[in-house]
Amino acid sequence: MRDLYNTIMDSEKNPLRHLPPAQRFQAMVLLSTMWTIIFCTVAGLWFWFGELLLGHVLLALGTVVTGVAFRGAEQQSTYRDHPASDGTARYDDVWGG
């Protein structure tokens, strides 16, 4: 169970690890906000069938959005992946980053 949790929630182990730290943080904040809204909506609407159905649709939609975000992060290519041909430093590499 712990491995499953870390696979999704640990930004060093989930597919967002391919993004730079600032973008990884932004993506995790947006995804956590989205999931908070989904679960709060589902918890508040479980008394009515129509709203329960809406909650399930939101849950499925949230799962799809998370999967798309994770898949897109794996395919992300940044300037660090393509070093300069003349061997000069790039942006944050100048400061020893």
PDB file of N, CA and C in Angstrom:
ATOM      1  N   MET A   1       0.819  -1.184   0.000  1.00  0.00           N
ATOM      2  CA  MET A   1       0.000   0.000   0.000  1.00  0.00           C
ATOM      3  C   MET A   1       0.871   1.259   0.000  1.00  0.00           C
ATOM      4  N   ARG A   2       1.961   1.193   0.748  1.00  0.00           N
ATOM      5  CA  ARG A   2       2.856   2.349   0.819  1.00  0.00           C
ATOM      6  C   ARG A   2       3.498   2.642  -0.536  1.00  0.00           C
ATOM      7  N   ASP A   3       3.865   1.585  -1.274  1.00  0.00           N
ATOM      8  CA  ASP A   3       4.455   1.778  -2.601  1.00  0.00           C
ATOM      9  C   ASP A   3       3.462   2.426  -3.556  1.00  0.00           C
ATOM     10  N   LEU A   4       2.202   1.999  -3.479  1.00  0.00           N
ATOM     11  CA  LEU A   4       1.166   2.592  -4.322  1.00  0.00           C
ATOM     12  C   LEU A   4       0.989   4.075  -3.991  1.00  0.00           C
ATOM     13  N   TYR A   5       0.963   4.398  -2.702  1.00  0.00           N
ATOM     14  CA  TYR A   5       0.848   5.792  -2.271  1.00  0.00           C
ATOM     15  C   TYR A   5       2.024   6.613  -2.798  1.00  0.00           C
ATOM     16  N   ASN A   6       3.233   6.107  -2.624  1.00  0.00           N
ATOM     17  CA  ASN A   6       4.425   6.844  -3.073  1.00  0.00           C
ATOM     18  C   ASN A   6       4.462   7.004  -4.587  1.00  0.00           C
ATOM     19  N   THR A   7       3.961   6.022  -5.314  1.00  0.00           N
ATOM     20  CA  THR A   7       3.943   6.100  -6.775  1.00  0.00           C
ATOM     21  C   THR A   7       3.119   7.285  -7.251  1.00  0.00           C
ATOM     22  N   ILE A   8       2.075   7.610  -6.517  1.00  0.00           N
ATOM     23  CA  ILE A   8       1.207   8.723  -6.913  1.00  0.00           C
ATOM     24  C   ILE A   8       1.587  10.025  -6.222  1.00  0.00           C
ATOM     25  N   MET A   9       1.858   9.991  -4.930  1.00  0.00           N
ATOM     26  CA  MET A   9       2.001  11.211  -4.143  1.00  0.00           C
ATOM     27  C   MET A   9       3.436  11.738  -4.026  1.00  0.00           C
ATOM     28  N   ASP A  10       4.442  10.903  -4.185  1.00  0.00           N
ATOM     29  CA  ASP A  10       5.823  11.358  -4.053  1.00  0.00           C
ATOM     30  C   ASP A  10       6.296  11.902  -5.401  1.00  0.00           C
ATOM     31  N   SER A  11       6.540  13.203  -5.459  1.00  0.00           N
ATOM     32  CA  SER A  11       6.904  13.829  -6.734  1.00  0.00           C
ATOM     33  C   SER A  11       8.279  13.397  -7.233  1.00  0.00           C
ATOM     34  N   GLU A  12       9.060  12.729  -6.391  1.00  0.00           N
ATOM     35  CA  GLU A  12      10.349  12.189  -6.843  1.00  0.00           C
ATOM     36  C   GLU A  12      10.185  10.812  -7.497  1.00  0.00           C
ATOM     37  N   LYS A  13       9.006  10.185  -7.318  1.00  0.00           N
ATOM     38  CA  LYS A  13       8.791   8.839  -7.856  1.00  0.00           C
ATOM     39  C   LYS A  13       7.700   8.786  -8.912  1.00  0.00           C
ATOM     40  N   ASN A  14       6.773   9.736  -8.919  1.00  0.00           N
ATOM     41  CA  ASN A  14       5.693   9.690  -9.915  1.00  0.00           C
ATOM     42  C   ASN A  14       6.186  10.259 -11.248  1.00  0.00           C
ATOM     43  N   PRO A  15       5.421  10.128 -12.307  1.00  0.00           N
ATOM     44  CA  PRO A  15       5.877  10.571 -13.623  1.00  0.00           C
ATOM     45  C   PRO A  15       6.193  12.074 -13.715  1.00  0.00           C
ATOM     46  N   LEU A  16       5.774  12.867 -12.750  1.00  0.00           N
ATOM     47  CA  LEU A  16       6.100  14.294 -12.781  1.00  0.00           C
ATOM     48  C   LEU A  16       7.572  14.553 -12.461  1.00  0.00           C
ATOM     49  N   ARG A  17       8.307  13.523 -12.053  1.00  0.00           N
ATOM     50  CA  ARG A  17       9.728  13.689 -11.720  1.00  0.00           C
ATOM     51  C   ARG A  17      10.540  14.171 -12.923  1.00  0.00           C
ATOM     52  N   HIS A  18       9.986  14.022 -14.123  1.00  0.00           N
ATOM     53  CA  HIS A  18      10.694  14.447 -15.334  1.00  0.00           C
ATOM     54  C   HIS A  18      10.636  15.961 -15.529  1.00  0.00           C
ATOM     55  N   LEU A  19       9.797  16.650 -14.769  1.00  0.00           N
ATOM     56  CA  LEU A  19       9.669  18.105 -14.889  1.00  0.00           C
ATOM     57  C   LEU A  19      10.664  18.798 -13.966  1.00  0.00           C
ATOM     58  N   PRO A  20      11.029  20.036 -14.270  1.00  0.00           N
ATOM     59  CA  PRO A  20      11.847  20.816 -13.337  1.00  0.00           C
ATOM     60  C   PRO A  20      11.079  21.008 -12.023  1.00  0.00           C
ATOM     61  N   PRO A  21      11.773  21.185 -10.896  1.00  0.00           N
ATOM     62  CA  PRO A  21      11.120  21.250  -9.587  1.00  0.00           C
ATOM     63  C   PRO A  21       9.982  22.273  -9.488  1.00  0.00           C
ATOM     64  N   ALA A  22      10.147  23.455 -10.056  1.00  0.00           N
ATOM     65  CA  ALA A  22       9.097  24.478  -9.952  1.00  0.00           C
ATOM     66  C   ALA A  22       7.830  24.044 -10.691  1.00  0.00           C
ATOM     67  N   GLN A  23       7.988  23.487 -11.884  1.00  0.00           N
ATOM     68  CA  GLN A  23       6.822  23.019 -12.635  1.00  0.00           C
ATOM     69  C   GLN A  23       6.201  21.800 -11.975  1.00  0.00           C
ATOM     70  N   ARG A  24       7.025  20.948 -11.385  1.00  0.00           N
ATOM     71  CA  ARG A  24       6.524  19.774 -10.668  1.00  0.00           C
ATOM     72  C   ARG A  24       5.652  20.210  -9.494  1.00  0.00           C
ATOM     73  N   PHE A  25       6.129  21.210  -8.744  1.00  0.00           N
ATOM     74  CA  PHE A  25       5.354  21.730  -7.615  1.00  0.00           C
ATOM     75  C   PHE A  25       4.026  22.309  -8.083  1.00  0.00           C
ATOM     76  N   GLN A  26       4.056  23.100  -9.158  1.00  0.00           N
ATOM     77  CA  GLN A  26       2.826  23.694  -9.681  1.00  0.00           C
ATOM     78  C   GLN A  26       1.841  22.615 -10.124  1.00  0.00           C
ATOM     79  N   ALA A  27       2.317  21.590 -10.810  1.00  0.00           N
ATOM     80  CA  ALA A  27       1.437  20.518 -11.263  1.00  0.00           C
ATOM     81  C   ALA A  27       0.840  19.766 -10.073  1.00  0.00           C
ATOM     82  N   MET A  28       1.650  19.492  -9.048  1.00  0.00           N
ATOM     83  CA  MET A  28       1.142  18.781  -7.873  1.00  0.00           C
ATOM     84  C   MET A  28       0.111  19.629  -7.123  1.00  0.00           C
ATOM     85  N   VAL A  29       0.323  20.935  -7.039  1.00  0.00           N
ATOM     86  CA  VAL A  29      -0.651  21.812  -6.370  1.00  0.00           C
ATOM     87  C   VAL A  29      -1.962  21.831  -7.143  1.00  0.00           C
ATOM     88  N   LEU A  30      -1.889  21.956  -8.451  1.00  0.00           N
ATOM     89  CA  LEU A  30      -3.116  21.962  -9.254  1.00  0.00           C
ATOM     90  C   LEU A  30      -3.858  20.630  -9.151  1.00  0.00           C
ATOM     91  N   LEU A  31      -3.133  19.528  -9.227  1.00  0.00           N
ATOM     92  CA  LEU A  31      -3.781  18.220  -9.110  1.00  0.00           C
ATOM     93  C   LEU A  31      -4.384  18.015  -7.721  1.00  0.00           C
ATOM     94  N   SER A  32      -3.683  18.448  -6.670  1.00  0.00           N
ATOM     95  CA  SER A  32      -4.228  18.274  -5.319  1.00  0.00           C
ATOM     96  C   SER A  32      -5.464  19.139  -5.109  1.00  0.00           C
ATOM     97  N   THR A  33      -5.468  20.356  -5.663  1.00  0.00           N
ATOM     98  CA  THR A  33      -6.650  21.206  -5.571  1.00  0.00           C
ATOM     99  C   THR A  33      -7.821  20.574  -6.315  1.00  0.00           C
ATOM    100  N   MET A  34      -7.556  20.054  -7.498  1.00  0.00           N
ATOM    101  CA  MET A  34      -8.605  19.397  -8.275  1.00  0.00           C
ATOM    102  C   MET A  34      -9.195  18.225  -7.500  1.00  0.00           C
ATOM    103  N   TRP A  35      -8.342  17.373  -6.908  1.00  0.00           N
ATOM    104  CA  TRP A  35      -8.838  16.214  -6.173  1.00  0.00           C
ATOM    105  C   TRP A  35      -9.576  16.631  -4.903  1.00  0.00           C
ATOM    106  N   THR A  36      -9.150  17.694  -4.254  1.00  0.00           N
ATOM    107  CA  THR A  36      -9.862  18.183  -3.075  1.00  0.00           C
ATOM    108  C   THR A  36     -11.272  18.624  -3.447  1.00  0.00           C
ATOM    109  N   ILE A  37     -11.395  19.361  -4.537  1.00  0.00           N
ATOM    110  CA  ILE A  37     -12.712  19.812  -5.000  1.00  0.00           C
ATOM    111  C   ILE A  37     -13.585  18.613  -5.359  1.00  0.00           C
ATOM    112  N   ILE A  38     -13.013  17.635  -6.048  1.00  0.00           N
ATOM    113  CA  ILE A  38     -13.786  16.447  -6.435  1.00  0.00           C
ATOM    114  C   ILE A  38     -14.289  15.702  -5.201  1.00  0.00           C
ATOM    115  N   PHE A  39     -13.418  15.426  -4.239  1.00  0.00           N
ATOM    116  CA  PHE A  39     -13.841  14.654  -3.071  1.00  0.00           C
ATOM    117  C   PHE A  39     -14.813  15.428  -2.193  1.00  0.00           C
ATOM    118  N   CYS A  40     -14.621  16.726  -2.057  1.00  0.00           N
ATOM    119  CA  CYS A  40     -15.575  17.520  -1.280  1.00  0.00           C
ATOM    120  C   CYS A  40     -16.938  17.554  -1.951  1.00  0.00           C
ATOM    121  N   THR A  41     -16.961  17.673  -3.265  1.00  0.00           N
ATOM    122  CA  THR A  41     -18.229  17.661  -4.004  1.00  0.00           C
ATOM    123  C   THR A  41     -18.915  16.311  -3.864  1.00  0.00           C
ATOM    124  N   VAL A  42     -18.169  15.239  -4.019  1.00  0.00           N
ATOM    125  CA  VAL A  42     -18.734  13.899  -3.893  1.00  0.00           C
ATOM    126  C   VAL A  42     -19.265  13.670  -2.480  1.00  0.00           C
ATOM    127  N   ALA A  43     -18.505  14.066  -1.461  1.00  0.00           N
ATOM    128  CA  ALA A  43     -18.937  13.862  -0.073  1.00  0.00           C
ATOM    129  C   ALA A  43     -20.192  14.670   0.239  1.00  0.00           C
ATOM    130  N   GLY A  44     -20.309  15.851  -0.329  1.00  0.00           N
ATOM    131  CA  GLY A  44     -21.468  16.691  -0.062  1.00  0.00           C
ATOM    132  C   GLY A  44     -22.710  16.303  -0.832  1.00  0.00           C
ATOM    133  N   LEU A  45     -22.564  15.521  -1.883  1.00  0.00           N
ATOM    134  CA  LEU A  45     -23.697  15.209  -2.752  1.00  0.00           C
ATOM    135  C   LEU A  45     -24.160  13.764  -2.686  1.00  0.00           C
ATOM    136  N   TRP A  46     -23.670  12.974  -1.777  1.00  0.00           N
ATOM    137  CA  TRP A  46     -23.983  11.550  -1.793  1.00  0.00           C
ATOM    138  C   TRP A  46     -25.409  11.231  -1.384  1.00  0.00           C
ATOM    139  N   PHE A  47     -26.167  12.197  -0.886  1.00  0.00           N
ATOM    140  CA  PHE A  47     -27.555  11.954  -0.493  1.00  0.00           C
ATOM    141  C   PHE A  47     -28.509  11.888  -1.685  1.00  0.00           C
ATOM    142  N   TRP A  48     -28.139  12.433  -2.815  1.00  0.00           N
ATOM    143  CA  TRP A  48     -29.030  12.470  -3.975  1.00  0.00           C
ATOM    144  C   TRP A  48     -28.425  11.665  -5.117  1.00  0.00           C
ATOM    145  N   PHE A  49     -29.252  10.857  -5.761  1.00  0.00           N
ATOM    146  CA  PHE A  49     -28.753   9.952  -6.794  1.00  0.00           C
ATOM    147  C   PHE A  49     -28.149  10.703  -7.974  1.00  0.00           C
ATOM    148  N   GLY A  50     -28.830  11.725  -8.463  1.00  0.00           N
ATOM    149  CA  GLY A  50     -28.312  12.476  -9.606  1.00  0.00           C
ATOM    150  C   GLY A  50     -26.963  13.090  -9.308  1.00  0.00           C
ATOM    151  N   GLU A  51     -26.855  13.632  -8.123  1.00  0.00           N
ATOM    152  CA  GLU A  51     -25.582  14.225  -7.717  1.00  0.00           C
ATOM    153  C   GLU A  51     -24.526  13.140  -7.479  1.00  0.00           C
ATOM    154  N   LEU A  52     -24.976  11.974  -7.009  1.00  0.00           N
ATOM    155  CA  LEU A  52     -24.048  10.860  -6.836  1.00  0.00           C
ATOM    156  C   LEU A  52     -23.472  10.439  -8.185  1.00  0.00           C
ATOM    157  N   LEU A  53     -24.348  10.415  -9.182  1.00  0.00           N
ATOM    158  CA  LEU A  53     -23.899  10.113 -10.534  1.00  0.00           C
ATOM    159  C   LEU A  53     -22.906  11.175 -11.008  1.00  0.00           C
ATOM    160  N   LEU A  54     -23.205  12.434 -10.729  1.00  0.00           N
ATOM    161  CA  LEU A  54     -22.289  13.522 -11.079  1.00  0.00           C
ATOM    162  C   LEU A  54     -20.952  13.343 -10.365  1.00  0.00           C
ATOM    163  N   GLY A  55     -20.999  12.917  -9.116  1.00  0.00           N
ATOM    164  CA  GLY A  55     -19.760  12.668  -8.367  1.00  0.00           C
ATOM    165  C   GLY A  55     -18.908  11.594  -9.009  1.00  0.00           C
ATOM    166  N   HIS A  56     -19.544  10.542  -9.483  1.00  0.00           N
ATOM    167  CA  HIS A  56     -18.796   9.478 -10.145  1.00  0.00           C
ATOM    168  C   HIS A  56     -18.197   9.964 -11.466  1.00  0.00           C
ATOM    169  N   VAL A  57     -18.930  10.782 -12.169  1.00  0.00           N
ATOM    170  CA  VAL A  57     -18.401  11.351 -13.412  1.00  0.00           C
ATOM    171  C   VAL A  57     -17.209  12.249 -13.099  1.00  0.00           C
ATOM    172  N   LEU A  58     -17.305  13.054 -12.038  1.00  0.00           N
ATOM    173  CA  LEU A  58     -16.180  13.907 -11.639  1.00  0.00           C
ATOM    174  C   LEU A  58     -14.970  13.061 -11.253  1.00  0.00           C
ATOM    175  N   LEU A  59     -15.220  11.981 -10.538  1.00  0.00           N
ATOM    176  CA  LEU A  59     -14.133  11.093 -10.137  1.00  0.00           C
ATOM    177  C   LEU A  59     -13.436  10.497 -11.360  1.00  0.00           C
ATOM    178  N   ALA A  60     -14.220  10.033 -12.323  1.00  0.00           N
ATOM    179  CA  ALA A  60     -13.649   9.476 -13.548  1.00  0.00           C
ATOM    180  C   ALA A  60     -12.897  10.544 -14.338  1.00  0.00           C
ATOM    181  N   LEU A  61     -13.461  11.734 -14.424  1.00  0.00           N
ATOM    182  CA  LEU A  61     -12.812  12.833 -15.138  1.00  0.00           C
ATOM    183  C   LEU A  61     -11.508  13.231 -14.458  1.00  0.00           C
ATOM    184  N   GLY A  62     -11.507  13.278 -13.133  1.00  0.00           N
ATOM    185  CA  GLY A  62     -10.277  13.588 -12.403  1.00  0.00           C
ATOM    186  C   GLY A  62      -9.196  12.561 -12.643  1.00  0.00           C
ATOM    187  N   THR A  63      -9.581  11.294 -12.714  1.00  0.00           N
ATOM    188  CA  THR A  63      -8.618  10.229 -12.989  1.00  0.00           C
ATOM    189  C   THR A  63      -8.017  10.398 -14.381  1.00  0.00           C
ATOM    190  N   VAL A  64      -8.846  10.748 -15.343  1.00  0.00           N
ATOM    191  CA  VAL A  64      -8.359  10.961 -16.708  1.00  0.00           C
ATOM    192  C   VAL A  64      -7.398  12.149 -16.756  1.00  0.00           C
ATOM    193  N   VAL A  65      -7.754  13.263 -16.093  1.00  0.00           N
ATOM    194  CA  VAL A  65      -6.885  14.456 -16.096  1.00  0.00           C
ATOM    195  C   VAL A  65      -5.544  14.134 -15.441  1.00  0.00           C
ATOM    196  N   THR A  66      -5.567  13.395 -14.325  1.00  0.00           N
ATOM    197  CA  THR A  66      -4.320  13.026 -13.659  1.00  0.00           C
ATOM    198  C   THR A  66      -3.467  12.144 -14.565  1.00  0.00           C
ATOM    199  N   GLY A  67      -4.080  11.179 -15.231  1.00  0.00           N
ATOM    200  CA  GLY A  67      -3.342  10.309 -16.148  1.00  0.00           C
ATOM    201  C   GLY A  67      -2.722  11.076 -17.296  1.00  0.00           C
ATOM    202  N   VAL A  68      -3.473  12.045 -17.841  1.00  0.00           N
ATOM    203  CA  VAL A  68      -2.940  12.866 -18.934  1.00  0.00           C
ATOM    204  C   VAL A  68      -1.772  13.711 -18.440  1.00  0.00           C
ATOM    205  N   ALA A  69      -1.887  14.269 -17.227  1.00  0.00           N
ATOM    206  CA  ALA A  69      -0.794  15.076 -16.676  1.00  0.00           C
ATOM    207  C   ALA A  69       0.460  14.234 -16.458  1.00  0.00           C
ATOM    208  N   PHE A  70       0.286  13.020 -15.914  1.00  0.00           N
ATOM    209  CA  PHE A  70       1.433  12.148 -15.682  1.00  0.00           C
ATOM    210  C   PHE A  70       2.069  11.722 -17.000  1.00  0.00           C
ATOM    211  N   ARG A  71       1.264  11.365 -17.980  1.00  0.00           N
ATOM    212  CA  ARG A  71       1.800  10.931 -19.267  1.00  0.00           C
ATOM    213  C   ARG A  71       2.521  12.085 -19.975  1.00  0.00           C
ATOM    214  N   GLY A  72       1.956  13.292 -19.901  1.00  0.00           N
ATOM    215  CA  GLY A  72       2.588  14.452 -20.525  1.00  0.00           C
ATOM    216  C   GLY A  72       3.920  14.791 -19.882  1.00  0.00           C
ATOM    217  N   ALA A  73       4.029  14.590 -18.563  1.00  0.00           N
ATOM    218  CA  ALA A  73       5.278  14.888 -17.858  1.00  0.00           C
ATOM    219  C   ALA A  73       6.383  13.929 -18.272  1.00  0.00           C
ATOM    220  N   GLU A  74       6.033  12.670 -18.558  1.00  0.00           N
ATOM    221  CA  GLU A  74       7.044  11.701 -18.988  1.00  0.00           C
ATOM    222  C   GLU A  74       7.616  12.061 -20.350  1.00  0.00           C
ATOM    223  N   GLN A  75       6.825  12.721 -21.180  1.00  0.00           N
ATOM    224  CA  GLN A  75       7.257  13.051 -22.527  1.00  0.00           C
ATOM    225  C   GLN A  75       7.839  14.460 -22.609  1.00  0.00           C
ATOM    226  N   GLN A  76       7.923  15.143 -21.491  1.00  0.00           N
ATOM    227  CA  GLN A  76       8.421  16.519 -21.444  1.00  0.00           C
ATOM    228  C   GLN A  76       9.904  16.553 -21.809  1.00  0.00           C
ATOM    229  N   SER A  77      10.269  17.476 -22.652  1.00  0.00           N
ATOM    230  CA  SER A  77      11.666  17.664 -23.038  1.00  0.00           C
ATOM    231  C   SER A  77      12.036  19.116 -22.748  1.00  0.00           C
ATOM    232  N   THR A  78      13.132  19.326 -22.040  1.00  0.00           N
ATOM    233  CA  THR A  78      13.570  20.679 -21.702  1.00  0.00           C
ATOM    234  C   THR A  78      14.936  20.943 -22.320  1.00  0.00           C
ATOM    235  N   TYR A  79      15.426  22.145 -22.149  1.00  0.00           N
ATOM    236  CA  TYR A  79      16.731  22.512 -22.697  1.00  0.00           C
ATOM    237  C   TYR A  79      17.842  21.674 -22.083  1.00  0.00           C
ATOM    238  N   ARG A  80      17.624  21.132 -20.871  1.00  0.00           N
ATOM    239  CA  ARG A  80      18.648  20.304 -20.235  1.00  0.00           C
ATOM    240  C   ARG A  80      18.861  19.000 -20.998  1.00  0.00           C
ATOM    241  N   ASP A  81      17.838  18.566 -21.725  1.00  0.00           N
ATOM    242  CA  ASP A  81      17.943  17.328 -22.490  1.00  0.00           C
ATOM    243  C   ASP A  81      18.733  17.506 -23.783  1.00  0.00           C
ATOM    244  N   HIS A  82      18.978  18.747 -24.185  1.00  0.00           N
ATOM    245  CA  HIS A  82      19.662  19.040 -25.439  1.00  0.00           C
ATOM    246  C   HIS A  82      20.800  20.034 -25.155  1.00  0.00           C
ATOM    247  N   PRO A  83      21.972  19.531 -24.751  1.00  0.00           N
ATOM    248  CA  PRO A  83      23.077  20.429 -24.410  1.00  0.00           C
ATOM    249  C   PRO A  83      23.545  21.229 -25.631  1.00  0.00           C
ATOM    250  N   ALA A  84      24.095  22.389 -25.347  1.00  0.00           N
ATOM    251  CA  ALA A  84      24.601  23.242 -26.420  1.00  0.00           C
ATOM    252  C   ALA A  84      25.757  22.538 -27.125  1.00  0.00           C
ATOM    253  N   SER A  85      25.836  22.697 -28.429  1.00  0.00           N
ATOM    254  CA  SER A  85      26.864  22.005 -29.207  1.00  0.00           C
ATOM    255  C   SER A  85      28.265  22.561 -28.950  1.00  0.00           C
ATOM    256  N   ASP A  86      28.356  23.814 -28.490  1.00  0.00           N
ATOM    257  CA  ASP A  86      29.678  24.397 -28.252  1.00  0.00           C
ATOM    258  C   ASP A  86      30.180  24.181 -26.824  1.00  0.00           C
ATOM    259  N   GLY A  87      29.391  23.475 -25.986  1.00  0.00           N
ATOM    260  CA  GLY A  87      29.835  23.147 -24.636  1.00  0.00           C
ATOM    261  C   GLY A  87      29.632  24.246 -23.615  1.00  0.00           C
ATOM    262  N   THR A  88      29.011  25.356 -23.991  1.00  0.00           N
ATOM    263  CA  THR A  88      28.783  26.431 -23.030  1.00  0.00           C
ATOM    264  C   THR A  88      27.676  26.061 -22.050  1.00  0.00           C
ATOM    265  N   ALA A  89      27.679  26.748 -20.900  1.00  0.00           N
ATOM    266  CA  ALA A  89      26.679  26.472 -19.864  1.00  0.00           C
ATOM    267  C   ALA A  89      25.325  27.043 -20.279  1.00  0.00           C
ATOM    268  N   ARG A  90      24.270  26.474 -19.733  1.00  0.00           N
ATOM    269  CA  ARG A  90      22.911  26.923 -20.023  1.00  0.00           C
ATOM    270  C   ARG A  90      22.284  27.497 -18.755  1.00  0.00           C
ATOM    271  N   TYR A  91      21.625  28.583 -18.836  1.00  0.00           N
ATOM    272  CA  TYR A  91      20.815  29.230 -17.811  1.00  0.00           C
ATOM    273  C   TYR A  91      21.244  28.903 -16.393  1.00  0.00           C
ATOM    274  N   ASP A  92      20.516  28.006 -15.695  1.00  0.00           N
ATOM    275  CA  ASP A  92      20.798  27.744 -14.293  1.00  0.00           C
ATOM    276  C   ASP A  92      22.116  27.014 -14.098  1.00  0.00           C
ATOM    277  N   ASP A  93      22.706  26.418 -15.160  1.00  0.00           N
ATOM    278  CA  ASP A  93      23.978  25.763 -15.032  1.00  0.00           C
ATOM    279  C   ASP A  93      25.103  26.759 -14.752  1.00  0.00           C
ATOM    280  N   VAL A  94      24.888  28.034 -15.124  1.00  0.00           N
ATOM    281  CA  VAL A  94      25.882  29.068 -14.878  1.00  0.00           C
ATOM    282  C   VAL A  94      26.107  29.260 -13.392  1.00  0.00           C
ATOM    283  N   TRP A  95      25.059  29.092 -12.594  1.00  0.00           N
ATOM    284  CA  TRP A  95      25.138  29.304 -11.148  1.00  0.00           C
ATOM    285  C   TRP A  95      25.447  28.026 -10.400  1.00  0.00           C
ATOM    286  N   GLY A  96      25.784  26.977 -11.117  1.00  0.00           N
ATOM    287  CA  GLY A  96      26.154  25.728 -10.458  1.00  0.00           C
ATOM    288  C   GLY A  96      24.943  24.912 -10.043  1.00  0.00           C
ATOM    289  N   GLY A  97      23.767  25.169 -10.680  1.00  0.00           N
ATOM    290  CA  GLY A  97      22.510  24.498 -10.289  1.00  0.00           C
ATOM    291  C   GLY A  97      22.380  23.140 -10.775  1.00  0.00           C
TER     292      GLY A  97
END
